[in-house]
Amino acid sequence: MTKADLVANISEKLGMEKGDVQATIETFMQEVKDSLESGDNVYLRGFGSFIIKTRAEKTGRNISKNTTIKIPAHNIPAFKPAKVFVEGVKSNVEVK
């Protein structure tokens, strides 16, 4: 499902204009991004959490030059689904 599909589905279910729904979704995504960029996690009960994970410093290899490089510690955004969300997917989605 793409953002356009999401906008169309929500617009149809709520009877709202697609432009209003798109603006709402864009604002939601921007707020989540701004919150994570400022160091705050976002918790949505029953859905999941947008969190910041810290990756430790590690040593990597440049295979083409056969050299060792140091990859510094860094933060990445991550999504951790709620238990209810996980259970719903497990019970409703067929394993391929």
N, C-alpha and C. Protein backbone atom coordinates (compact mmCIF):
# COMPACT_ATOMS: atom_id res chain seq x y z
N MET A 1 0.85 -1.18 0.00
CA MET A 1 0.00 0.00 0.00
C MET A 1 0.90 1.24 0.00
N THR A 2 0.56 2.16 -0.86
CA THR A 2 1.32 3.41 -0.94
C THR A 2 0.60 4.50 -0.15
N LYS A 3 1.24 5.65 -0.03
CA LYS A 3 0.62 6.78 0.66
C LYS A 3 -0.67 7.20 -0.05
N ALA A 4 -0.65 7.18 -1.38
CA ALA A 4 -1.84 7.54 -2.15
C ALA A 4 -2.99 6.57 -1.87
N ASP A 5 -2.68 5.27 -1.77
CA ASP A 5 -3.71 4.28 -1.44
C ASP A 5 -4.27 4.53 -0.04
N LEU A 6 -3.39 4.85 0.88
CA LEU A 6 -3.80 5.13 2.26
C LEU A 6 -4.73 6.35 2.30
N VAL A 7 -4.36 7.40 1.59
CA VAL A 7 -5.18 8.61 1.52
C VAL A 7 -6.55 8.27 0.93
N ALA A 8 -6.58 7.53 -0.16
CA ALA A 8 -7.84 7.17 -0.82
C ALA A 8 -8.74 6.35 0.11
N ASN A 9 -8.16 5.37 0.80
CA ASN A 9 -8.95 4.51 1.70
C ASN A 9 -9.53 5.30 2.86
N ILE A 10 -8.72 6.13 3.50
CA ILE A 10 -9.19 6.92 4.63
C ILE A 10 -10.25 7.92 4.17
N SER A 11 -10.03 8.55 3.04
CA SER A 11 -10.98 9.51 2.48
C SER A 11 -12.33 8.86 2.24
N GLU A 12 -12.30 7.66 1.67
CA GLU A 12 -13.53 6.93 1.38
C GLU A 12 -14.25 6.52 2.66
N LYS A 13 -13.50 6.01 3.65
CA LYS A 13 -14.12 5.53 4.89
C LYS A 13 -14.70 6.67 5.72
N LEU A 14 -14.05 7.82 5.74
CA LEU A 14 -14.50 8.92 6.58
C LEU A 14 -15.33 9.96 5.83
N GLY A 15 -15.38 9.85 4.51
CA GLY A 15 -16.13 10.82 3.72
C GLY A 15 -15.50 12.20 3.72
N MET A 16 -14.18 12.24 3.81
CA MET A 16 -13.45 13.51 3.82
C MET A 16 -12.81 13.74 2.45
N GLU A 17 -12.45 14.99 2.20
CA GLU A 17 -11.73 15.32 0.97
C GLU A 17 -10.34 14.71 1.01
N LYS A 18 -9.87 14.23 -0.14
CA LYS A 18 -8.54 13.62 -0.21
C LYS A 18 -7.45 14.61 0.18
N GLY A 19 -7.60 15.88 -0.18
CA GLY A 19 -6.61 16.89 0.17
C GLY A 19 -6.46 17.06 1.67
N ASP A 20 -7.59 17.03 2.39
CA ASP A 20 -7.55 17.16 3.85
C ASP A 20 -6.88 15.95 4.49
N VAL A 21 -7.21 14.76 3.97
CA VAL A 21 -6.61 13.53 4.50
C VAL A 21 -5.12 13.52 4.23
N GLN A 22 -4.72 13.91 3.02
CA GLN A 22 -3.30 13.93 2.68
C GLN A 22 -2.55 14.92 3.57
N ALA A 23 -3.12 16.08 3.82
CA ALA A 23 -2.48 17.07 4.69
C ALA A 23 -2.33 16.52 6.10
N THR A 24 -3.33 15.79 6.58
CA THR A 24 -3.26 15.20 7.91
C THR A 24 -2.15 14.15 8.00
N ILE A 25 -2.08 13.29 6.99
CA ILE A 25 -1.06 12.24 6.99
C ILE A 25 0.34 12.86 6.87
N GLU A 26 0.49 13.85 6.01
CA GLU A 26 1.79 14.53 5.86
C GLU A 26 2.21 15.18 7.18
N THR A 27 1.25 15.82 7.86
CA THR A 27 1.55 16.47 9.13
C THR A 27 1.93 15.46 10.19
N PHE A 28 1.22 14.33 10.22
CA PHE A 28 1.55 13.25 11.18
C PHE A 28 2.97 12.75 10.95
N MET A 29 3.31 12.47 9.70
CA MET A 29 4.66 11.97 9.41
C MET A 29 5.72 12.99 9.76
N GLN A 30 5.46 14.27 9.50
CA GLN A 30 6.41 15.33 9.83
C GLN A 30 6.60 15.44 11.34
N GLU A 31 5.52 15.31 12.10
CA GLU A 31 5.60 15.38 13.56
C GLU A 31 6.41 14.22 14.11
N VAL A 32 6.22 13.01 13.57
CA VAL A 32 7.00 11.85 14.01
C VAL A 32 8.47 12.09 13.70
N LYS A 33 8.77 12.57 12.49
CA LYS A 33 10.15 12.86 12.09
C LYS A 33 10.78 13.92 12.99
N ASP A 34 10.06 15.02 13.23
CA ASP A 34 10.58 16.09 14.07
C ASP A 34 10.85 15.61 15.49
N SER A 35 9.94 14.79 16.00
CA SER A 35 10.10 14.26 17.36
C SER A 35 11.35 13.38 17.46
N LEU A 36 11.53 12.48 16.50
CA LEU A 36 12.71 11.61 16.52
C LEU A 36 14.00 12.40 16.32
N GLU A 37 13.96 13.41 15.45
CA GLU A 37 15.15 14.23 15.21
C GLU A 37 15.53 15.04 16.44
N SER A 38 14.56 15.34 17.30
CA SER A 38 14.86 16.07 18.52
C SER A 38 15.20 15.13 19.69
N GLY A 39 15.20 13.82 19.43
CA GLY A 39 15.61 12.85 20.44
C GLY A 39 14.47 12.25 21.25
N ASP A 40 13.23 12.53 20.88
CA ASP A 40 12.07 11.99 21.60
C ASP A 40 11.45 10.84 20.83
N ASN A 41 11.08 9.77 21.54
CA ASN A 41 10.38 8.65 20.93
C ASN A 41 8.89 8.98 20.83
N VAL A 42 8.18 8.28 19.94
CA VAL A 42 6.74 8.48 19.76
C VAL A 42 6.05 7.16 20.08
N TYR A 43 5.12 7.18 21.05
CA TYR A 43 4.42 5.98 21.50
C TYR A 43 2.94 6.08 21.11
N LEU A 44 2.46 5.11 20.33
CA LEU A 44 1.06 5.06 19.92
C LEU A 44 0.47 3.76 20.47
N ARG A 45 -0.23 3.86 21.59
CA ARG A 45 -0.76 2.68 22.28
C ARG A 45 -1.64 1.85 21.33
N GLY A 46 -1.40 0.54 21.29
CA GLY A 46 -2.15 -0.37 20.45
C GLY A 46 -1.63 -0.45 19.02
N PHE A 47 -0.71 0.42 18.66
CA PHE A 47 -0.15 0.41 17.30
C PHE A 47 1.34 0.10 17.33
N GLY A 48 2.11 0.92 18.07
CA GLY A 48 3.54 0.68 18.16
C GLY A 48 4.29 1.93 18.55
N SER A 49 5.60 1.84 18.52
CA SER A 49 6.46 2.95 18.92
C SER A 49 7.49 3.24 17.84
N PHE A 50 7.67 4.51 17.56
CA PHE A 50 8.76 4.96 16.71
C PHE A 50 9.88 5.35 17.67
N ILE A 51 10.99 4.64 17.62
CA ILE A 51 12.05 4.82 18.60
C ILE A 51 13.38 5.10 17.91
N ILE A 52 14.34 5.56 18.71
CA ILE A 52 15.70 5.80 18.24
C ILE A 52 16.57 4.67 18.78
N LYS A 53 17.24 3.96 17.88
CA LYS A 53 18.15 2.90 18.27
C LYS A 53 19.58 3.38 18.06
N THR A 54 20.46 3.02 18.97
CA THR A 54 21.87 3.38 18.85
C THR A 54 22.65 2.18 18.35
N ARG A 55 23.36 2.38 17.27
CA ARG A 55 24.24 1.34 16.74
C ARG A 55 25.64 1.59 17.27
N ALA A 56 26.27 0.56 17.78
CA ALA A 56 27.62 0.68 18.34
C ALA A 56 28.66 0.86 17.24
N GLU A 57 29.82 1.39 17.63
CA GLU A 57 30.93 1.50 16.68
C GLU A 57 31.38 0.11 16.28
N LYS A 58 31.73 -0.06 15.02
CA LYS A 58 32.20 -1.37 14.58
C LYS A 58 33.24 -1.23 13.49
N THR A 59 33.92 -2.32 13.22
CA THR A 59 34.94 -2.35 12.18
C THR A 59 34.35 -3.02 10.95
N GLY A 60 34.49 -2.38 9.81
CA GLY A 60 34.01 -2.93 8.55
C GLY A 60 35.16 -3.13 7.59
N ARG A 61 34.85 -3.70 6.44
CA ARG A 61 35.89 -3.95 5.45
C ARG A 61 35.48 -3.40 4.10
N ASN A 62 36.44 -2.76 3.43
CA ASN A 62 36.26 -2.34 2.05
C ASN A 62 36.85 -3.46 1.20
N ILE A 63 35.99 -4.30 0.65
CA ILE A 63 36.44 -5.50 -0.04
C ILE A 63 37.26 -5.17 -1.29
N SER A 64 36.86 -4.14 -2.02
CA SER A 64 37.56 -3.82 -3.27
C SER A 64 39.00 -3.36 -3.02
N LYS A 65 39.24 -2.65 -1.92
CA LYS A 65 40.60 -2.17 -1.61
C LYS A 65 41.28 -3.04 -0.56
N ASN A 66 40.55 -4.01 0.01
CA ASN A 66 41.06 -4.90 1.04
C ASN A 66 41.62 -4.12 2.23
N THR A 67 40.82 -3.13 2.68
CA THR A 67 41.22 -2.34 3.84
C THR A 67 40.15 -2.42 4.91
N THR A 68 40.56 -2.09 6.12
CA THR A 68 39.64 -2.06 7.26
C THR A 68 39.23 -0.62 7.50
N ILE A 69 37.93 -0.41 7.74
CA ILE A 69 37.44 0.93 8.05
C ILE A 69 36.66 0.89 9.36
N LYS A 70 36.67 2.02 10.05
CA LYS A 70 35.95 2.11 11.31
C LYS A 70 34.62 2.82 11.04
N ILE A 71 33.52 2.15 11.41
CA ILE A 71 32.19 2.74 11.26
C ILE A 71 31.80 3.30 12.63
N PRO A 72 31.62 4.61 12.74
CA PRO A 72 31.35 5.21 14.05
C PRO A 72 29.96 4.84 14.58
N ALA A 73 29.78 4.98 15.88
CA ALA A 73 28.48 4.76 16.50
C ALA A 73 27.50 5.79 15.94
N HIS A 74 26.25 5.38 15.74
CA HIS A 74 25.26 6.29 15.20
C HIS A 74 23.85 5.87 15.62
N ASN A 75 22.92 6.78 15.50
CA ASN A 75 21.53 6.51 15.83
C ASN A 75 20.73 6.30 14.55
N ILE A 76 19.73 5.41 14.64
CA ILE A 76 18.82 5.18 13.51
C ILE A 76 17.39 5.14 14.02
N PRO A 77 16.43 5.58 13.19
CA PRO A 77 15.04 5.45 13.60
C PRO A 77 14.57 4.01 13.39
N ALA A 78 13.65 3.56 14.24
CA ALA A 78 13.11 2.21 14.13
C ALA A 78 11.65 2.22 14.56
N PHE A 79 10.91 1.20 14.13
CA PHE A 79 9.52 1.04 14.54
C PHE A 79 9.39 -0.28 15.26
N LYS A 80 8.78 -0.25 16.43
CA LYS A 80 8.54 -1.46 17.21
C LYS A 80 7.03 -1.61 17.34
N PRO A 81 6.43 -2.61 16.67
CA PRO A 81 4.98 -2.76 16.73
C PRO A 81 4.50 -3.22 18.11
N ALA A 82 3.27 -2.85 18.46
CA ALA A 82 2.67 -3.27 19.72
C ALA A 82 2.33 -4.76 19.65
N LYS A 83 2.21 -5.40 20.81
CA LYS A 83 1.92 -6.84 20.86
C LYS A 83 0.61 -7.16 20.15
N VAL A 84 -0.41 -6.32 20.32
CA VAL A 84 -1.70 -6.53 19.68
C VAL A 84 -1.54 -6.50 18.16
N PHE A 85 -0.75 -5.58 17.67
CA PHE A 85 -0.46 -5.43 16.24
C PHE A 85 0.21 -6.70 15.71
N VAL A 86 1.24 -7.16 16.41
CA VAL A 86 1.99 -8.35 16.01
C VAL A 86 1.08 -9.57 15.97
N GLU A 87 0.27 -9.75 17.01
CA GLU A 87 -0.63 -10.90 17.08
C GLU A 87 -1.65 -10.87 15.95
N GLY A 88 -2.17 -9.68 15.62
CA GLY A 88 -3.12 -9.56 14.52
C GLY A 88 -2.52 -9.96 13.20
N VAL A 89 -1.28 -9.56 12.95
CA VAL A 89 -0.60 -9.93 11.70
C VAL A 89 -0.33 -11.43 11.68
N LYS A 90 0.13 -11.96 12.81
CA LYS A 90 0.43 -13.40 12.87
C LYS A 90 -0.81 -14.25 12.59
N SER A 91 -1.95 -13.84 13.14
CA SER A 91 -3.15 -14.66 13.00
C SER A 91 -3.91 -14.43 11.70
N ASN A 92 -3.71 -13.29 11.03
CA ASN A 92 -4.50 -12.97 9.84
C ASN A 92 -3.77 -13.06 8.51
N VAL A 93 -2.45 -13.07 8.53
CA VAL A 93 -1.68 -13.07 7.29
C VAL A 93 -1.11 -14.46 7.06
N GLU A 94 -1.39 -15.00 5.87
CA GLU A 94 -0.93 -16.34 5.52
C GLU A 94 0.58 -16.32 5.22
N VAL A 95 1.27 -17.35 5.72
CA VAL A 95 2.70 -17.49 5.47
C VAL A 95 2.90 -17.93 4.03
N LYS A 96 3.80 -17.21 3.34
CA LYS A 96 4.04 -17.52 1.91
C LYS A 96 5.19 -18.45 1.74
